[in-house]
Amino acid sequence: MEEGFEKNGMDREEIFSKSVRAGKRTYFFDVKSTKGNDYYLTITESKKRFGDDGKFFYEKHKLFLYKEDFEKFAEGLNEAVAHIKSISPPIEPRSDEYYTSPSATAETPKSDSSFSDISFEDLDK
């Protein structure tokens, strides 16, 4: 759904949707309305997994957040994030240069940027 898109007519439940890709996970923030035009937020974490048969599926976890809880939730989230930042080393920017091979569940780099520690002096021998 396009960011900020509003639905008209009979299907008024979903009001706004925003997806955030973060490494191997995607987070979806969806604003929805009840029949009484009361708004709430669903936060969904989606992660691609591979079954024993090699086929992939999406593992999803969903959280419903109601407007009367927005302020307390935001305060708790901000406090927890601030605490983690105060006790942890700086966060390295994450690279999306990884993909998951259908035959493996581990991340594999798209390109091999590894190198050996070779001295040019060793080549003259």
PDB file of N, CA and C in Angstrom:
ATOM      1  N   MET A   1       0.853  -1.172   0.000  1.00  0.00           N
ATOM      2  CA  MET A   1       0.000   0.000   0.000  1.00  0.00           C
ATOM      3  C   MET A   1       0.892   1.225   0.000  1.00  0.00           C
ATOM      4  N   GLU A   2       0.522   2.224  -0.707  1.00  0.00           N
ATOM      5  CA  GLU A   2       1.278   3.460  -0.811  1.00  0.00           C
ATOM      6  C   GLU A   2       1.235   4.204   0.517  1.00  0.00           C
ATOM      7  N   GLU A   3       2.377   4.786   0.889  1.00  0.00           N
ATOM      8  CA  GLU A   3       2.461   5.498   2.158  1.00  0.00           C
ATOM      9  C   GLU A   3       1.446   6.632   2.210  1.00  0.00           C
ATOM     10  N   GLY A   4       0.699   6.710   3.309  1.00  0.00           N
ATOM     11  CA  GLY A   4      -0.274   7.776   3.475  1.00  0.00           C
ATOM     12  C   GLY A   4      -1.568   7.556   2.710  1.00  0.00           C
ATOM     13  N   PHE A   5      -1.728   6.404   2.104  1.00  0.00           N
ATOM     14  CA  PHE A   5      -2.908   6.111   1.289  1.00  0.00           C
ATOM     15  C   PHE A   5      -4.107   5.864   2.179  1.00  0.00           C
ATOM     16  N   GLU A   6      -5.225   6.488   1.857  1.00  0.00           N
ATOM     17  CA  GLU A   6      -6.457   6.259   2.614  1.00  0.00           C
ATOM     18  C   GLU A   6      -7.450   5.529   1.738  1.00  0.00           C
ATOM     19  N   LYS A   7      -8.137   4.577   2.323  1.00  0.00           N
ATOM     20  CA  LYS A   7      -9.178   3.855   1.590  1.00  0.00           C
ATOM     21  C   LYS A   7     -10.520   4.525   1.821  1.00  0.00           C
ATOM     22  N   ASN A   8     -11.328   4.537   0.799  1.00  0.00           N
ATOM     23  CA  ASN A   8     -12.683   5.095   0.906  1.00  0.00           C
ATOM     24  C   ASN A   8     -13.694   3.966   0.739  1.00  0.00           C
ATOM     25  N   GLY A   9     -14.909   4.248   1.018  1.00  0.00           N
ATOM     26  CA  GLY A   9     -15.977   3.281   0.758  1.00  0.00           C
ATOM     27  C   GLY A   9     -16.145   2.273   1.859  1.00  0.00           C
ATOM     28  N   MET A  10     -16.523   1.056   1.443  1.00  0.00           N
ATOM     29  CA  MET A  10     -16.892   0.027   2.411  1.00  0.00           C
ATOM     30  C   MET A  10     -15.697  -0.479   3.218  1.00  0.00           C
ATOM     31  N   ASP A  11     -14.533  -0.668   2.588  1.00  0.00           N
ATOM     32  CA  ASP A  11     -13.379  -1.209   3.302  1.00  0.00           C
ATOM     33  C   ASP A  11     -12.584  -0.054   3.903  1.00  0.00           C
ATOM     34  N   ARG A  12     -12.884   0.312   5.141  1.00  0.00           N
ATOM     35  CA  ARG A  12     -12.238   1.452   5.784  1.00  0.00           C
ATOM     36  C   ARG A  12     -11.279   1.028   6.868  1.00  0.00           C
ATOM     37  N   GLU A  13     -11.043  -0.272   7.010  1.00  0.00           N
ATOM     38  CA  GLU A  13     -10.250  -0.732   8.146  1.00  0.00           C
ATOM     39  C   GLU A  13      -8.801  -0.251   8.085  1.00  0.00           C
ATOM     40  N   GLU A  14      -8.096  -0.429   6.957  1.00  0.00           N
ATOM     41  CA  GLU A  14      -6.687  -0.041   6.883  1.00  0.00           C
ATOM     42  C   GLU A  14      -6.562   1.397   6.394  1.00  0.00           C
ATOM     43  N   ILE A  15      -5.917   2.248   7.194  1.00  0.00           N
ATOM     44  CA  ILE A  15      -5.828   3.684   6.942  1.00  0.00           C
ATOM     45  C   ILE A  15      -4.460   4.077   6.384  1.00  0.00           C
ATOM     46  N   PHE A  16      -3.405   3.495   6.924  1.00  0.00           N
ATOM     47  CA  PHE A  16      -2.039   3.883   6.585  1.00  0.00           C
ATOM     48  C   PHE A  16      -1.139   2.675   6.782  1.00  0.00           C
ATOM     49  N   SER A  17      -0.115   2.544   5.920  1.00  0.00           N
ATOM     50  CA  SER A  17       0.819   1.440   6.052  1.00  0.00           C
ATOM     51  C   SER A  17       2.225   1.920   5.719  1.00  0.00           C
ATOM     52  N   LYS A  18       3.188   1.490   6.522  1.00  0.00           N
ATOM     53  CA  LYS A  18       4.590   1.835   6.312  1.00  0.00           C
ATOM     54  C   LYS A  18       5.415   0.592   6.591  1.00  0.00           C
ATOM     55  N   SER A  19       6.297   0.219   5.644  1.00  0.00           N
ATOM     56  CA  SER A  19       7.178  -0.917   5.878  1.00  0.00           C
ATOM     57  C   SER A  19       8.602  -0.413   6.044  1.00  0.00           C
ATOM     58  N   VAL A  20       9.352  -1.102   6.914  1.00  0.00           N
ATOM     59  CA  VAL A  20      10.734  -0.744   7.196  1.00  0.00           C
ATOM     60  C   VAL A  20      11.562  -2.011   7.085  1.00  0.00           C
ATOM     61  N   ARG A  21      12.464  -2.049   6.116  1.00  0.00           N
ATOM     62  CA  ARG A  21      13.357  -3.188   5.948  1.00  0.00           C
ATOM     63  C   ARG A  21      14.577  -2.970   6.827  1.00  0.00           C
ATOM     64  N   ALA A  22      14.898  -3.956   7.654  1.00  0.00           N
ATOM     65  CA  ALA A  22      16.019  -3.860   8.583  1.00  0.00           C
ATOM     66  C   ALA A  22      16.749  -5.191   8.610  1.00  0.00           C
ATOM     67  N   GLY A  23      17.774  -5.310   7.790  1.00  0.00           N
ATOM     68  CA  GLY A  23      18.534  -6.561   7.734  1.00  0.00           C
ATOM     69  C   GLY A  23      17.677  -7.701   7.223  1.00  0.00           C
ATOM     70  N   LYS A  24      17.596  -8.781   7.999  1.00  0.00           N
ATOM     71  CA  LYS A  24      16.823  -9.955   7.588  1.00  0.00           C
ATOM     72  C   LYS A  24      15.349  -9.837   7.938  1.00  0.00           C
ATOM     73  N   ARG A  25      14.972  -8.741   8.570  1.00  0.00           N
ATOM     74  CA  ARG A  25      13.580  -8.567   8.995  1.00  0.00           C
ATOM     75  C   ARG A  25      12.941  -7.396   8.265  1.00  0.00           C
ATOM     76  N   THR A  26      11.623  -7.452   8.184  1.00  0.00           N
ATOM     77  CA  THR A  26      10.840  -6.323   7.698  1.00  0.00           C
ATOM     78  C   THR A  26       9.787  -6.049   8.757  1.00  0.00           C
ATOM     79  N   TYR A  27       9.643  -4.765   9.103  1.00  0.00           N
ATOM     80  CA  TYR A  27       8.634  -4.354  10.068  1.00  0.00           C
ATOM     81  C   TYR A  27       7.541  -3.598   9.320  1.00  0.00           C
ATOM     82  N   PHE A  28       6.300  -3.906   9.638  1.00  0.00           N
ATOM     83  CA  PHE A  28       5.154  -3.236   9.040  1.00  0.00           C
ATOM     84  C   PHE A  28       4.404  -2.486  10.136  1.00  0.00           C
ATOM     85  N   PHE A  29       4.171  -1.214   9.899  1.00  0.00           N
ATOM     86  CA  PHE A  29       3.394  -0.378  10.806  1.00  0.00           C
ATOM     87  C   PHE A  29       2.100  -0.050  10.082  1.00  0.00           C
ATOM     88  N   ASP A  30       0.988  -0.570  10.566  1.00  0.00           N
ATOM     89  CA  ASP A  30      -0.306  -0.396   9.911  1.00  0.00           C
ATOM     90  C   ASP A  30      -1.295   0.282  10.853  1.00  0.00           C
ATOM     91  N   VAL A  31      -1.819   1.424  10.417  1.00  0.00           N
ATOM     92  CA  VAL A  31      -2.860   2.117  11.165  1.00  0.00           C
ATOM     93  C   VAL A  31      -4.191   1.599  10.643  1.00  0.00           C
ATOM     94  N   LYS A  32      -5.034   1.177  11.553  1.00  0.00           N
ATOM     95  CA  LYS A  32      -6.338   0.627  11.177  1.00  0.00           C
ATOM     96  C   LYS A  32      -7.421   1.299  11.997  1.00  0.00           C
ATOM     97  N   SER A  33      -8.649   1.149  11.531  1.00  0.00           N
ATOM     98  CA  SER A  33      -9.765   1.721  12.285  1.00  0.00           C
ATOM     99  C   SER A  33     -10.803   0.646  12.557  1.00  0.00           C
ATOM    100  N   THR A  34     -11.493   0.839  13.665  1.00  0.00           N
ATOM    101  CA  THR A  34     -12.595  -0.055  14.001  1.00  0.00           C
ATOM    102  C   THR A  34     -13.864   0.459  13.309  1.00  0.00           C
ATOM    103  N   LYS A  35     -14.933  -0.267  13.431  1.00  0.00           N
ATOM    104  CA  LYS A  35     -16.216   0.183  12.867  1.00  0.00           C
ATOM    105  C   LYS A  35     -16.664   1.505  13.467  1.00  0.00           C
ATOM    106  N   GLY A  36     -16.234   1.765  14.717  1.00  0.00           N
ATOM    107  CA  GLY A  36     -16.593   3.008  15.395  1.00  0.00           C
ATOM    108  C   GLY A  36     -15.602   4.131  15.134  1.00  0.00           C
ATOM    109  N   ASN A  37     -14.764   3.977  14.090  1.00  0.00           N
ATOM    110  CA  ASN A  37     -13.747   4.964  13.723  1.00  0.00           C
ATOM    111  C   ASN A  37     -12.755   5.254  14.845  1.00  0.00           C
ATOM    112  N   ASP A  38     -12.395   4.232  15.592  1.00  0.00           N
ATOM    113  CA  ASP A  38     -11.367   4.339  16.606  1.00  0.00           C
ATOM    114  C   ASP A  38     -10.095   3.751  15.996  1.00  0.00           C
ATOM    115  N   TYR A  39      -8.960   4.414  16.153  1.00  0.00           N
ATOM    116  CA  TYR A  39      -7.739   3.976  15.493  1.00  0.00           C
ATOM    117  C   TYR A  39      -6.840   3.167  16.413  1.00  0.00           C
ATOM    118  N   TYR A  40      -6.095   2.247  15.804  1.00  0.00           N
ATOM    119  CA  TYR A  40      -5.092   1.469  16.513  1.00  0.00           C
ATOM    120  C   TYR A  40      -3.966   1.145  15.550  1.00  0.00           C
ATOM    121  N   LEU A  41      -2.852   0.673  16.088  1.00  0.00           N
ATOM    122  CA  LEU A  41      -1.663   0.379  15.303  1.00  0.00           C
ATOM    123  C   LEU A  41      -1.322  -1.094  15.434  1.00  0.00           C
ATOM    124  N   THR A  42      -0.994  -1.715  14.309  1.00  0.00           N
ATOM    125  CA  THR A  42      -0.430  -3.063  14.371  1.00  0.00           C
ATOM    126  C   THR A  42       1.017  -2.955  13.917  1.00  0.00           C
ATOM    127  N   ILE A  43       1.896  -3.597  14.669  1.00  0.00           N
ATOM    128  CA  ILE A  43       3.311  -3.674  14.313  1.00  0.00           C
ATOM    129  C   ILE A  43       3.595  -5.142  14.047  1.00  0.00           C
ATOM    130  N   THR A  44       4.040  -5.440  12.834  1.00  0.00           N
ATOM    131  CA  THR A  44       4.298  -6.821  12.449  1.00  0.00           C
ATOM    132  C   THR A  44       5.766  -6.982  12.088  1.00  0.00           C
ATOM    133  N   GLU A  45       6.405  -7.976  12.681  1.00  0.00           N
ATOM    134  CA  GLU A  45       7.766  -8.348  12.312  1.00  0.00           C
ATOM    135  C   GLU A  45       7.649  -9.557  11.393  1.00  0.00           C
ATOM    136  N   SER A  46       8.282  -9.484  10.236  1.00  0.00           N
ATOM    137  CA  SER A  46       8.249 -10.578   9.278  1.00  0.00           C
ATOM    138  C   SER A  46       9.678 -10.991   8.963  1.00  0.00           C
ATOM    139  N   LYS A  47       9.922 -12.297   9.017  1.00  0.00           N
ATOM    140  CA  LYS A  47      11.263 -12.823   8.777  1.00  0.00           C
ATOM    141  C   LYS A  47      11.155 -14.031   7.864  1.00  0.00           C
ATOM    142  N   LYS A  48      11.937 -14.048   6.793  1.00  0.00           N
ATOM    143  CA  LYS A  48      11.928 -15.159   5.837  1.00  0.00           C
ATOM    144  C   LYS A  48      12.659 -16.351   6.454  1.00  0.00           C
ATOM    145  N   ARG A  49      12.016 -17.497   6.426  1.00  0.00           N
ATOM    146  CA  ARG A  49      12.584 -18.739   6.963  1.00  0.00           C
ATOM    147  C   ARG A  49      12.503 -19.815   5.895  1.00  0.00           C
ATOM    148  N   PHE A  50      13.301 -20.855   6.073  1.00  0.00           N
ATOM    149  CA  PHE A  50      13.282 -21.986   5.156  1.00  0.00           C
ATOM    150  C   PHE A  50      12.882 -23.245   5.909  1.00  0.00           C
ATOM    151  N   GLY A  51      11.941 -23.978   5.318  1.00  0.00           N
ATOM    152  CA  GLY A  51      11.485 -25.217   5.923  1.00  0.00           C
ATOM    153  C   GLY A  51      12.423 -26.358   5.608  1.00  0.00           C
ATOM    154  N   ASP A  52      12.141 -27.527   6.167  1.00  0.00           N
ATOM    155  CA  ASP A  52      12.959 -28.718   5.928  1.00  0.00           C
ATOM    156  C   ASP A  52      12.950 -29.125   4.463  1.00  0.00           C
ATOM    157  N   ASP A  53      11.885 -28.753   3.750  1.00  0.00           N
ATOM    158  CA  ASP A  53      11.776 -29.099   2.336  1.00  0.00           C
ATOM    159  C   ASP A  53      12.504 -28.094   1.434  1.00  0.00           C
ATOM    160  N   GLY A  54      13.146 -27.072   2.027  1.00  0.00           N
ATOM    161  CA  GLY A  54      13.878 -26.080   1.247  1.00  0.00           C
ATOM    162  C   GLY A  54      13.033 -24.921   0.774  1.00  0.00           C
ATOM    163  N   LYS A  55      11.717 -25.014   0.960  1.00  0.00           N
ATOM    164  CA  LYS A  55      10.830 -23.930   0.547  1.00  0.00           C
ATOM    165  C   LYS A  55      10.785 -22.875   1.636  1.00  0.00           C
ATOM    166  N   PHE A  56      10.637 -21.620   1.225  1.00  0.00           N
ATOM    167  CA  PHE A  56      10.622 -20.549   2.212  1.00  0.00           C
ATOM    168  C   PHE A  56       9.205 -20.209   2.637  1.00  0.00           C
ATOM    169  N   PHE A  57       9.117 -19.639   3.825  1.00  0.00           N
ATOM    170  CA  PHE A  57       7.866 -19.124   4.360  1.00  0.00           C
ATOM    171  C   PHE A  57       8.216 -17.915   5.210  1.00  0.00           C
ATOM    172  N   TYR A  58       7.225 -17.131   5.558  1.00  0.00           N
ATOM    173  CA  TYR A  58       7.460 -15.950   6.375  1.00  0.00           C
ATOM    174  C   TYR A  58       6.931 -16.190   7.780  1.00  0.00           C
ATOM    175  N   GLU A  59       7.826 -16.051   8.760  1.00  0.00           N
ATOM    176  CA  GLU A  59       7.446 -16.135  10.160  1.00  0.00           C
ATOM    177  C   GLU A  59       7.049 -14.729  10.590  1.00  0.00           C
ATOM    178  N   LYS A  60       5.850 -14.587  11.143  1.00  0.00           N
ATOM    179  CA  LYS A  60       5.359 -13.257  11.504  1.00  0.00           C
ATOM    180  C   LYS A  60       4.953 -13.199  12.966  1.00  0.00           C
ATOM    181  N   HIS A  61       5.241 -12.058  13.562  1.00  0.00           N
ATOM    182  CA  HIS A  61       4.815 -11.764  14.926  1.00  0.00           C
ATOM    183  C   HIS A  61       4.105 -10.425  14.890  1.00  0.00           C
ATOM    184  N   LYS A  62       2.945 -10.343  15.508  1.00  0.00           N
ATOM    185  CA  LYS A  62       2.140  -9.136  15.433  1.00  0.00           C
ATOM    186  C   LYS A  62       1.821  -8.610  16.818  1.00  0.00           C
ATOM    187  N   LEU A  63       1.881  -7.274  16.926  1.00  0.00           N
ATOM    188  CA  LEU A  63       1.568  -6.577  18.163  1.00  0.00           C
ATOM    189  C   LEU A  63       0.470  -5.567  17.863  1.00  0.00           C
ATOM    190  N   PHE A  64      -0.568  -5.552  18.685  1.00  0.00           N
ATOM    191  CA  PHE A  64      -1.658  -4.586  18.542  1.00  0.00           C
ATOM    192  C   PHE A  64      -1.464  -3.514  19.595  1.00  0.00           C
ATOM    193  N   LEU A  65      -1.453  -2.269  19.169  1.00  0.00           N
ATOM    194  CA  LEU A  65      -1.252  -1.155  20.087  1.00  0.00           C
ATOM    195  C   LEU A  65      -2.423  -0.193  19.937  1.00  0.00           C
ATOM    196  N   TYR A  66      -3.135   0.005  21.020  1.00  0.00           N
ATOM    197  CA  TYR A  66      -4.337   0.841  20.997  1.00  0.00           C
ATOM    198  C   TYR A  66      -4.002   2.260  21.427  1.00  0.00           C
ATOM    199  N   LYS A  67      -4.752   3.230  20.897  1.00  0.00           N
ATOM    200  CA  LYS A  67      -4.390   4.638  21.062  1.00  0.00           C
ATOM    201  C   LYS A  67      -4.277   5.087  22.517  1.00  0.00           C
ATOM    202  N   GLU A  68      -5.022   4.477  23.419  1.00  0.00           N
ATOM    203  CA  GLU A  68      -4.907   4.872  24.823  1.00  0.00           C
ATOM    204  C   GLU A  68      -3.559   4.453  25.427  1.00  0.00           C
ATOM    205  N   ASP A  69      -2.823   3.573  24.727  1.00  0.00           N
ATOM    206  CA  ASP A  69      -1.523   3.099  25.205  1.00  0.00           C
ATOM    207  C   ASP A  69      -0.342   3.716  24.459  1.00  0.00           C
ATOM    208  N   PHE A  70      -0.603   4.526  23.418  1.00  0.00           N
ATOM    209  CA  PHE A  70       0.472   5.073  22.588  1.00  0.00           C
ATOM    210  C   PHE A  70       1.542   5.782  23.416  1.00  0.00           C
ATOM    211  N   GLU A  71       1.132   6.698  24.294  1.00  0.00           N
ATOM    212  CA  GLU A  71       2.088   7.516  25.033  1.00  0.00           C
ATOM    213  C   GLU A  71       2.954   6.663  25.955  1.00  0.00           C
ATOM    214  N   LYS A  72       2.338   5.765  26.727  1.00  0.00           N
ATOM    215  CA  LYS A  72       3.100   4.922  27.636  1.00  0.00           C
ATOM    216  C   LYS A  72       4.018   3.967  26.876  1.00  0.00           C
ATOM    217  N   PHE A  73       3.540   3.438  25.758  1.00  0.00           N
ATOM    218  CA  PHE A  73       4.347   2.547  24.927  1.00  0.00           C
ATOM    219  C   PHE A  73       5.569   3.299  24.400  1.00  0.00           C
ATOM    220  N   ALA A  74       5.351   4.506  23.845  1.00  0.00           N
ATOM    221  CA  ALA A  74       6.451   5.308  23.289  1.00  0.00           C
ATOM    222  C   ALA A  74       7.461   5.664  24.378  1.00  0.00           C
ATOM    223  N   GLU A  75       6.979   6.027  25.564  1.00  0.00           N
ATOM    224  CA  GLU A  75       7.879   6.337  26.674  1.00  0.00           C
ATOM    225  C   GLU A  75       8.727   5.123  27.042  1.00  0.00           C
ATOM    226  N   GLY A  76       8.102   3.965  27.154  1.00  0.00           N
ATOM    227  CA  GLY A  76       8.829   2.744  27.498  1.00  0.00           C
ATOM    228  C   GLY A  76       9.833   2.359  26.424  1.00  0.00           C
ATOM    229  N   LEU A  77       9.435   2.463  25.175  1.00  0.00           N
ATOM    230  CA  LEU A  77      10.332   2.136  24.067  1.00  0.00           C
ATOM    231  C   LEU A  77      11.518   3.096  24.052  1.00  0.00           C
ATOM    232  N   ASN A  78      11.256   4.395  24.163  1.00  0.00           N
ATOM    233  CA  ASN A  78      12.340   5.384  24.157  1.00  0.00           C
ATOM    234  C   ASN A  78      13.296   5.185  25.325  1.00  0.00           C
ATOM    235  N   GLU A  79      12.754   4.865  26.507  1.00  0.00           N
ATOM    236  CA  GLU A  79      13.598   4.634  27.688  1.00  0.00           C
ATOM    237  C   GLU A  79      14.472   3.393  27.490  1.00  0.00           C
ATOM    238  N   ALA A  80      13.894   2.330  26.960  1.00  0.00           N
ATOM    239  CA  ALA A  80      14.655   1.098  26.735  1.00  0.00           C
ATOM    240  C   ALA A  80      15.748   1.308  25.689  1.00  0.00           C
ATOM    241  N   VAL A  81      15.438   1.995  24.595  1.00  0.00           N
ATOM    242  CA  VAL A  81      16.423   2.265  23.542  1.00  0.00           C
ATOM    243  C   VAL A  81      17.539   3.160  24.089  1.00  0.00           C
ATOM    244  N   ALA A  82      17.182   4.199  24.851  1.00  0.00           N
ATOM    245  CA  ALA A  82      18.185   5.088  25.432  1.00  0.00           C
ATOM    246  C   ALA A  82      19.105   4.314  26.375  1.00  0.00           C
ATOM    247  N   HIS A  83      18.553   3.387  27.154  1.00  0.00           N
ATOM    248  CA  HIS A  83      19.363   2.586  28.071  1.00  0.00           C
ATOM    249  C   HIS A  83      20.344   1.708  27.294  1.00  0.00           C
ATOM    250  N   ILE A  84      19.863   1.064  26.248  1.00  0.00           N
ATOM    251  CA  ILE A  84      20.739   0.212  25.428  1.00  0.00           C
ATOM    252  C   ILE A  84      21.860   1.050  24.825  1.00  0.00           C
ATOM    253  N   LYS A  85      21.522   2.229  24.310  1.00  0.00           N
ATOM    254  CA  LYS A  85      22.540   3.101  23.712  1.00  0.00           C
ATOM    255  C   LYS A  85      23.564   3.550  24.753  1.00  0.00           C
ATOM    256  N   SER A  86      23.138   3.752  26.001  1.00  0.00           N
ATOM    257  CA  SER A  86      24.060   4.233  27.039  1.00  0.00           C
ATOM    258  C   SER A  86      25.030   3.155  27.515  1.00  0.00           C
ATOM    259  N   ILE A  87      24.672   1.888  27.383  1.00  0.00           N
ATOM    260  CA  ILE A  87      25.540   0.812  27.882  1.00  0.00           C
ATOM    261  C   ILE A  87      26.231   0.033  26.770  1.00  0.00           C
ATOM    262  N   SER A  88      25.933   0.357  25.507  1.00  0.00           N
ATOM    263  CA  SER A  88      26.487  -0.387  24.382  1.00  0.00           C
ATOM    264  C   SER A  88      27.445   0.470  23.571  1.00  0.00           C
ATOM    265  N   PRO A  89      28.361  -0.184  22.869  1.00  0.00           N
ATOM    266  CA  PRO A  89      29.206   0.576  21.944  1.00  0.00           C
ATOM    267  C   PRO A  89      28.337   1.117  20.803  1.00  0.00           C
ATOM    268  N   PRO A  90      28.834   2.113  20.075  1.00  0.00           N
ATOM    269  CA  PRO A  90      28.033   2.667  18.971  1.00  0.00           C
ATOM    270  C   PRO A  90      27.615   1.579  17.985  1.00  0.00           C
ATOM    271  N   ILE A  91      26.433   1.737  17.446  1.00  0.00           N
ATOM    272  CA  ILE A  91      25.890   0.754  16.508  1.00  0.00           C
ATOM    273  C   ILE A  91      26.489   0.982  15.139  1.00  0.00           C
ATOM    274  N   GLU A  92      27.040  -0.086  14.562  1.00  0.00           N
ATOM    275  CA  GLU A  92      27.578  -0.026  13.209  1.00  0.00           C
ATOM    276  C   GLU A  92      26.416  -0.035  12.226  1.00  0.00           C
ATOM    277  N   PRO A  93      26.481   0.787  11.181  1.00  0.00           N
ATOM    278  CA  PRO A  93      25.410   0.736  10.167  1.00  0.00           C
ATOM    279  C   PRO A  93      25.344  -0.658   9.563  1.00  0.00           C
ATOM    280  N   ARG A  94      24.142  -1.142   9.371  1.00  0.00           N
ATOM    281  CA  ARG A  94      23.933  -2.474   8.836  1.00  0.00           C
ATOM    282  C   ARG A  94      23.975  -2.431   7.325  1.00  0.00           C
ATOM    283  N   SER A  95      24.568  -3.424   6.724  1.00  0.00           N
ATOM    284  CA  SER A  95      24.629  -3.509   5.270  1.00  0.00           C
ATOM    285  C   SER A  95      23.592  -4.511   4.795  1.00  0.00           C
ATOM    286  N   ASP A  96      22.892  -4.157   3.729  1.00  0.00           N
ATOM    287  CA  ASP A  96      21.937  -5.094   3.124  1.00  0.00           C
ATOM    288  C   ASP A  96      22.596  -5.865   1.994  1.00  0.00           C
ATOM    289  N   GLU A  97      23.928  -6.012   2.054  1.00  0.00           N
ATOM    290  CA  GLU A  97      24.651  -6.719   1.013  1.00  0.00           C
ATOM    291  C   GLU A  97      24.681  -8.219   1.260  1.00  0.00           C
ATOM    292  N   TYR A  98      23.750  -8.712   2.021  1.00  0.00           N
ATOM    293  CA  TYR A  98      23.679 -10.135   2.298  1.00  0.00           C
ATOM    294  C   TYR A  98      22.378 -10.688   1.755  1.00  0.00           C
ATOM    295  N   TYR A  99      22.423 -11.947   1.378  1.00  0.00           N
ATOM    296  CA  TYR A  99      21.204 -12.625   0.977  1.00  0.00           C
ATOM    297  C   TYR A  99      21.231 -14.004   1.583  1.00  0.00           C
ATOM    298  N   THR A 100      20.081 -14.637   1.638  1.00  0.00           N
ATOM    299  CA  THR A 100      19.994 -15.983   2.183  1.00  0.00           C
ATOM    300  C   THR A 100      19.809 -16.950   1.036  1.00  0.00           C
ATOM    301  N   SER A 101      20.679 -17.893   0.946  1.00  0.00           N
ATOM    302  CA  SER A 101      20.619 -18.897  -0.100  1.00  0.00           C
ATOM    303  C   SER A 101      19.481 -19.862   0.201  1.00  0.00           C
ATOM    304  N   PRO A 102      18.723 -20.274  -0.824  1.00  0.00           N
ATOM    305  CA  PRO A 102      17.636 -21.232  -0.578  1.00  0.00           C
ATOM    306  C   PRO A 102      18.134 -22.553  -0.009  1.00  0.00           C
ATOM    307  N   SER A 103      19.403 -22.901  -0.264  1.00  0.00           N
ATOM    308  CA  SER A 103      19.926 -24.166   0.232  1.00  0.00           C
ATOM    309  C   SER A 103      20.552 -24.044   1.614  1.00  0.00           C
ATOM    310  N   ALA A 104      20.599 -22.822   2.137  1.00  0.00           N
ATOM    311  CA  ALA A 104      21.193 -22.625   3.454  1.00  0.00           C
ATOM    312  C   ALA A 104      20.402 -21.594   4.227  1.00  0.00           C
ATOM    313  N   THR A 105      20.508 -21.651   5.550  1.00  0.00           N
ATOM    314  CA  THR A 105      19.783 -20.673   6.356  1.00  0.00           C
ATOM    315  C   THR A 105      20.695 -19.568   6.839  1.00  0.00           C
ATOM    316  N   ALA A 106      21.993 -19.670   6.573  1.00  0.00           N
ATOM    317  CA  ALA A 106      22.931 -18.637   7.012  1.00  0.00           C
ATOM    318  C   ALA A 106      23.059 -17.553   5.956  1.00  0.00           C
ATOM    319  N   GLU A 107      23.434 -16.362   6.397  1.00  0.00           N
ATOM    320  CA  GLU A 107      23.655 -15.265   5.464  1.00  0.00           C
ATOM    321  C   GLU A 107      24.956 -15.510   4.716  1.00  0.00           C
ATOM    322  N   THR A 108      24.980 -15.147   3.445  1.00  0.00           N
ATOM    323  CA  THR A 108      26.151 -15.286   2.609  1.00  0.00           C
ATOM    324  C   THR A 108      26.420 -13.956   1.936  1.00  0.00           C
ATOM    325  N   PRO A 109      27.665 -13.479   1.953  1.00  0.00           N
ATOM    326  CA  PRO A 109      27.925 -12.212   1.280  1.00  0.00           C
ATOM    327  C   PRO A 109      27.708 -12.329  -0.218  1.00  0.00           C
ATOM    328  N   LYS A 110      27.217 -11.243  -0.858  1.00  0.00           N
ATOM    329  CA  LYS A 110      27.012 -11.224  -2.307  1.00  0.00           C
ATOM    330  C   LYS A 110      28.350 -11.274  -3.027  1.00  0.00           C
ATOM    331  N   SER A 111      29.368 -10.626  -2.491  1.00  0.00           N
ATOM    332  CA  SER A 111      30.676 -10.645  -3.117  1.00  0.00           C
ATOM    333  C   SER A 111      31.708 -10.999  -2.062  1.00  0.00           C
ATOM    334  N   ASP A 112      32.767 -11.648  -2.499  1.00  0.00           N
ATOM    335  CA  ASP A 112      33.812 -12.047  -1.570  1.00  0.00           C
ATOM    336  C   ASP A 112      34.808 -10.910  -1.435  1.00  0.00           C
ATOM    337  N   SER A 113      34.771 -10.234  -0.315  1.00  0.00           N
ATOM    338  CA  SER A 113      35.689  -9.126  -0.092  1.00  0.00           C
ATOM    339  C   SER A 113      36.785  -9.518   0.896  1.00  0.00           C
ATOM    340  N   SER A 114      36.920 -10.829   1.173  1.00  0.00           N
ATOM    341  CA  SER A 114      37.950 -11.272   2.106  1.00  0.00           C
ATOM    342  C   SER A 114      39.314 -11.243   1.407  1.00  0.00           C
ATOM    343  N   PHE A 115      40.369 -11.155   2.201  1.00  0.00           N
ATOM    344  CA  PHE A 115      41.706 -11.128   1.652  1.00  0.00           C
ATOM    345  C   PHE A 115      42.656 -11.803   2.622  1.00  0.00           C
ATOM    346  N   SER A 116      43.810 -12.171   2.104  1.00  0.00           N
ATOM    347  CA  SER A 116      44.848 -12.768   2.937  1.00  0.00           C
ATOM    348  C   SER A 116      45.862 -11.702   3.270  1.00  0.00           C
ATOM    349  N   ASP A 117      46.492 -11.835   4.415  1.00  0.00           N
ATOM    350  CA  ASP A 117      47.512 -10.890   4.825  1.00  0.00           C
ATOM    351  C   ASP A 117      48.821 -11.315   4.179  1.00  0.00           C
ATOM    352  N   ILE A 118      49.099 -10.779   2.989  1.00  0.00           N
ATOM    353  CA  ILE A 118      50.296 -11.146   2.236  1.00  0.00           C
ATOM    354  C   ILE A 118      51.210  -9.943   2.166  1.00  0.00           C
ATOM    355  N   SER A 119      52.459 -10.171   2.441  1.00  0.00           N
ATOM    356  CA  SER A 119      53.460  -9.116   2.324  1.00  0.00           C
ATOM    357  C   SER A 119      54.134  -9.269   0.971  1.00  0.00           C
ATOM    358  N   PHE A 120      54.351  -8.168   0.256  1.00  0.00           N
ATOM    359  CA  PHE A 120      55.020  -8.226  -1.036  1.00  0.00           C
ATOM    360  C   PHE A 120      56.464  -8.708  -0.904  1.00  0.00           C
ATOM    361  N   GLU A 121      57.028  -8.521   0.286  1.00  0.00           N
ATOM    362  CA  GLU A 121      58.390  -9.009   0.532  1.00  0.00           C
ATOM    363  C   GLU A 121      58.447 -10.533   0.436  1.00  0.00           C
ATOM    364  N   ASP A 122      57.335 -11.208   0.796  1.00  0.00           N
ATOM    365  CA  ASP A 122      57.285 -12.663   0.732  1.00  0.00           C
ATOM    366  C   ASP A 122      57.335 -13.162  -0.700  1.00  0.00           C
ATOM    367  N   LEU A 123      56.929 -12.369  -1.677  1.00  0.00           N
ATOM    368  CA  LEU A 123      56.876 -12.781  -3.067  1.00  0.00           C
ATOM    369  C   LEU A 123      58.268 -12.795  -3.711  1.00  0.00           C
ATOM    370  N   ASP A 124      59.219 -12.081  -3.165  1.00  0.00           N
ATOM    371  CA  ASP A 124      60.559 -12.027  -3.727  1.00  0.00           C
ATOM    372  C   ASP A 124      61.391 -13.253  -3.379  1.00  0.00           C
ATOM    373  N   LYS A 125      60.970 -14.045  -2.472  1.00  0.00           N
ATOM    374  CA  LYS A 125      61.750 -15.201  -2.018  1.00  0.00           C
ATOM    375  C   LYS A 125      61.654 -16.356  -2.960  1.00  0.00           C
TER     376      LYS A 125
END
